[in-house]
Structures are given as C-alpha cells and as structure tokens.
Amino acid sequence: MSTQVLLPKLGFSMNEGTLAEWLVADGGQVEEGQVLYALESDKSMQEIEAPASGTLKIIAQAGETYEVGTVLAEII
C-alpha cells in the first residue's frame, strides 16, 4: 500500500506552491517525519516532512509550481 505525498495548503490564501528542491533522491528510503522537500510559497520557504516510512517514488519535478493537493510523490 502506498501513501501519496501531496502539496499542502500552508496558509489560508495559498493556492499553489513551488517545489524548490527534493531533499531525498528518487528511490531513497524515508522515515515518517523526515524532511522530504523544500516548498516555496508566498515568499517563504518551508521544509515538508514525509507522512509515512518507505521508498520514495518522485512524480513532480523540482523548480515547478503546482496547485495545492497535487500528488508530488508516493511512498511505497
């Protein structure tokens, strides 16, 4: 069973964010709570943590802007 990694809504008015960089490589092992990626939104940078433990399968490209709720990766 896999867990989707979604672009979170970090503020009331946030509709999209830019995936600044992945901090774990595709295929890398992650632990729940480990920082996965840096998200740029509303002129601030946030580090987003893994919602589960497992192997990271990256779907979204760093440097691109995505809407809130977009699936960025899966943890399997």
N, C-alpha and C. Protein backbone atom coordinates (compact mmCIF):
# COMPACT_ATOMS: atom_id res chain seq x y z
N MET A 1 0.84 -1.18 0.00
CA MET A 1 0.00 0.00 0.00
C MET A 1 0.88 1.24 0.00
N SER A 2 0.53 2.24 -0.79
CA SER A 2 1.35 3.44 -0.88
C SER A 2 0.65 4.64 -0.24
N THR A 3 1.45 5.63 0.10
CA THR A 3 0.96 6.89 0.67
C THR A 3 1.33 8.00 -0.29
N GLN A 4 0.35 8.81 -0.68
CA GLN A 4 0.62 9.93 -1.56
C GLN A 4 1.23 11.09 -0.78
N VAL A 5 2.18 11.76 -1.41
CA VAL A 5 2.78 12.98 -0.86
C VAL A 5 2.14 14.12 -1.64
N LEU A 6 1.31 14.91 -0.96
CA LEU A 6 0.56 15.98 -1.60
C LEU A 6 1.17 17.34 -1.28
N LEU A 7 0.97 18.30 -2.18
CA LEU A 7 1.37 19.68 -1.90
C LEU A 7 0.39 20.22 -0.86
N PRO A 8 0.88 20.58 0.32
CA PRO A 8 -0.01 21.01 1.40
C PRO A 8 -0.45 22.47 1.26
N LYS A 9 -1.56 22.79 1.88
CA LYS A 9 -2.02 24.18 1.98
C LYS A 9 -1.46 24.72 3.28
N LEU A 10 -0.51 25.65 3.19
CA LEU A 10 0.19 26.15 4.37
C LEU A 10 -0.38 27.45 4.89
N GLY A 11 -1.24 28.09 4.13
CA GLY A 11 -1.85 29.34 4.56
C GLY A 11 -3.25 29.45 3.99
N PHE A 12 -4.07 30.29 4.61
CA PHE A 12 -5.46 30.43 4.21
C PHE A 12 -5.62 30.78 2.74
N SER A 13 -4.76 31.67 2.24
CA SER A 13 -4.90 32.13 0.86
C SER A 13 -4.01 31.38 -0.13
N MET A 14 -3.31 30.36 0.33
CA MET A 14 -2.39 29.63 -0.55
C MET A 14 -3.15 28.74 -1.53
N ASN A 15 -2.88 28.91 -2.82
CA ASN A 15 -3.50 28.09 -3.86
C ASN A 15 -2.48 27.24 -4.61
N GLU A 16 -1.20 27.65 -4.55
CA GLU A 16 -0.14 26.93 -5.25
C GLU A 16 1.18 27.17 -4.55
N GLY A 17 2.16 26.34 -4.90
CA GLY A 17 3.50 26.49 -4.34
C GLY A 17 4.52 25.94 -5.31
N THR A 18 5.76 26.36 -5.13
CA THR A 18 6.85 25.90 -5.99
C THR A 18 7.69 24.88 -5.24
N LEU A 19 7.84 23.71 -5.84
CA LEU A 19 8.68 22.66 -5.28
C LEU A 19 10.13 23.08 -5.52
N ALA A 20 10.76 23.67 -4.51
CA ALA A 20 12.10 24.24 -4.67
C ALA A 20 13.15 23.15 -4.90
N GLU A 21 13.14 22.11 -4.06
CA GLU A 21 14.10 21.01 -4.25
C GLU A 21 13.69 19.79 -3.45
N TRP A 22 14.01 18.63 -4.00
CA TRP A 22 13.86 17.38 -3.28
C TRP A 22 15.09 17.20 -2.39
N LEU A 23 14.88 16.81 -1.15
CA LEU A 23 15.99 16.59 -0.22
C LEU A 23 16.30 15.11 -0.05
N VAL A 24 15.50 14.26 -0.70
CA VAL A 24 15.71 12.81 -0.74
C VAL A 24 15.64 12.40 -2.21
N ALA A 25 16.54 11.55 -2.64
CA ALA A 25 16.58 11.11 -4.04
C ALA A 25 15.45 10.13 -4.34
N ASP A 26 15.05 10.08 -5.60
CA ASP A 26 14.07 9.11 -6.06
C ASP A 26 14.58 7.71 -5.74
N GLY A 27 13.74 6.89 -5.14
CA GLY A 27 14.13 5.54 -4.76
C GLY A 27 14.77 5.45 -3.39
N GLY A 28 14.95 6.60 -2.74
CA GLY A 28 15.56 6.63 -1.41
C GLY A 28 14.60 6.18 -0.33
N GLN A 29 15.16 5.67 0.75
CA GLN A 29 14.37 5.26 1.90
C GLN A 29 14.10 6.47 2.78
N VAL A 30 12.85 6.62 3.23
CA VAL A 30 12.47 7.73 4.10
C VAL A 30 11.78 7.20 5.35
N GLU A 31 11.88 7.97 6.41
CA GLU A 31 11.19 7.67 7.66
C GLU A 31 10.10 8.72 7.86
N GLU A 32 8.99 8.32 8.44
CA GLU A 32 7.93 9.27 8.75
C GLU A 32 8.50 10.42 9.57
N GLY A 33 8.22 11.66 9.16
CA GLY A 33 8.72 12.83 9.86
C GLY A 33 10.03 13.37 9.31
N GLN A 34 10.69 12.61 8.43
CA GLN A 34 11.93 13.07 7.80
C GLN A 34 11.59 14.16 6.77
N VAL A 35 12.43 15.18 6.66
CA VAL A 35 12.20 16.24 5.68
C VAL A 35 12.41 15.69 4.27
N LEU A 36 11.37 15.86 3.41
CA LEU A 36 11.40 15.35 2.03
C LEU A 36 11.79 16.39 1.00
N TYR A 37 11.20 17.58 1.13
CA TYR A 37 11.42 18.60 0.11
C TYR A 37 11.23 20.00 0.68
N ALA A 38 11.74 20.98 -0.07
CA ALA A 38 11.57 22.39 0.29
C ALA A 38 10.48 22.96 -0.62
N LEU A 39 9.54 23.67 0.00
CA LEU A 39 8.41 24.26 -0.71
C LEU A 39 8.45 25.77 -0.55
N GLU A 40 8.39 26.47 -1.67
CA GLU A 40 8.37 27.94 -1.66
C GLU A 40 6.95 28.41 -1.91
N SER A 41 6.43 29.24 -1.00
CA SER A 41 5.09 29.77 -1.16
C SER A 41 4.99 31.13 -0.49
N ASP A 42 4.27 32.04 -1.12
CA ASP A 42 4.05 33.36 -0.54
C ASP A 42 5.33 33.97 0.02
N LYS A 43 6.40 33.86 -0.72
CA LYS A 43 7.71 34.44 -0.36
C LYS A 43 8.32 33.85 0.91
N SER A 44 7.93 32.62 1.25
CA SER A 44 8.57 31.93 2.37
C SER A 44 8.96 30.52 1.93
N MET A 45 9.92 29.94 2.62
CA MET A 45 10.39 28.59 2.30
C MET A 45 10.06 27.69 3.49
N GLN A 46 9.46 26.55 3.21
CA GLN A 46 9.09 25.58 4.24
C GLN A 46 9.70 24.23 3.90
N GLU A 47 10.10 23.49 4.92
CA GLU A 47 10.54 22.11 4.72
C GLU A 47 9.36 21.20 5.05
N ILE A 48 9.03 20.29 4.14
CA ILE A 48 7.87 19.43 4.29
C ILE A 48 8.34 18.01 4.63
N GLU A 49 7.69 17.42 5.64
CA GLU A 49 8.09 16.11 6.15
C GLU A 49 7.31 14.97 5.49
N ALA A 50 7.90 13.79 5.53
CA ALA A 50 7.27 12.58 5.00
C ALA A 50 6.08 12.18 5.87
N PRO A 51 4.94 11.84 5.24
CA PRO A 51 3.78 11.41 6.00
C PRO A 51 3.84 9.93 6.41
N ALA A 52 4.83 9.19 5.89
CA ALA A 52 4.94 7.76 6.16
C ALA A 52 6.38 7.31 5.91
N SER A 53 6.68 6.09 6.29
CA SER A 53 8.00 5.49 6.04
C SER A 53 7.93 4.58 4.82
N GLY A 54 9.04 4.47 4.08
CA GLY A 54 9.09 3.58 2.93
C GLY A 54 10.06 4.09 1.88
N THR A 55 9.81 3.69 0.62
CA THR A 55 10.65 4.08 -0.51
C THR A 55 9.97 5.21 -1.27
N LEU A 56 10.71 6.28 -1.53
CA LEU A 56 10.17 7.46 -2.20
C LEU A 56 10.17 7.28 -3.72
N LYS A 57 9.01 7.50 -4.34
CA LYS A 57 8.88 7.50 -5.79
C LYS A 57 8.44 8.90 -6.20
N ILE A 58 9.37 9.68 -6.75
CA ILE A 58 9.11 11.07 -7.11
C ILE A 58 8.31 11.15 -8.41
N ILE A 59 7.28 11.99 -8.41
CA ILE A 59 6.44 12.22 -9.58
C ILE A 59 6.66 13.63 -10.13
N ALA A 60 6.72 14.62 -9.25
CA ALA A 60 6.82 16.03 -9.64
C ALA A 60 8.27 16.49 -9.74
N GLN A 61 8.52 17.42 -10.63
CA GLN A 61 9.86 17.95 -10.86
C GLN A 61 10.13 19.17 -9.99
N ALA A 62 11.32 19.24 -9.43
CA ALA A 62 11.74 20.41 -8.66
C ALA A 62 11.82 21.62 -9.59
N GLY A 63 11.51 22.79 -9.03
CA GLY A 63 11.55 24.02 -9.81
C GLY A 63 10.23 24.38 -10.46
N GLU A 64 9.25 23.48 -10.39
CA GLU A 64 7.94 23.71 -11.00
C GLU A 64 6.94 24.15 -9.94
N THR A 65 5.89 24.84 -10.37
CA THR A 65 4.82 25.31 -9.49
C THR A 65 3.62 24.39 -9.66
N TYR A 66 3.02 24.01 -8.52
CA TYR A 66 1.88 23.09 -8.52
C TYR A 66 0.76 23.63 -7.64
N GLU A 67 -0.47 23.22 -7.94
CA GLU A 67 -1.62 23.60 -7.13
C GLU A 67 -1.65 22.78 -5.85
N VAL A 68 -2.25 23.36 -4.81
CA VAL A 68 -2.45 22.65 -3.54
C VAL A 68 -3.20 21.35 -3.83
N GLY A 69 -2.75 20.26 -3.22
CA GLY A 69 -3.38 18.96 -3.39
C GLY A 69 -2.79 18.11 -4.49
N THR A 70 -1.87 18.66 -5.28
CA THR A 70 -1.22 17.90 -6.34
C THR A 70 -0.36 16.79 -5.74
N VAL A 71 -0.41 15.60 -6.35
CA VAL A 71 0.43 14.49 -5.90
C VAL A 71 1.85 14.74 -6.41
N LEU A 72 2.78 14.90 -5.47
CA LEU A 72 4.17 15.17 -5.81
C LEU A 72 5.01 13.90 -5.85
N ALA A 73 4.62 12.92 -5.03
CA ALA A 73 5.38 11.67 -4.93
C ALA A 73 4.51 10.63 -4.24
N GLU A 74 5.01 9.41 -4.21
CA GLU A 74 4.38 8.33 -3.45
C GLU A 74 5.44 7.68 -2.58
N ILE A 75 5.03 7.21 -1.44
CA ILE A 75 5.91 6.43 -0.57
C ILE A 75 5.34 5.03 -0.54
N ILE A 76 6.15 4.07 -1.00
CA ILE A 76 5.67 2.69 -1.10
C ILE A 76 6.48 1.77 -0.20
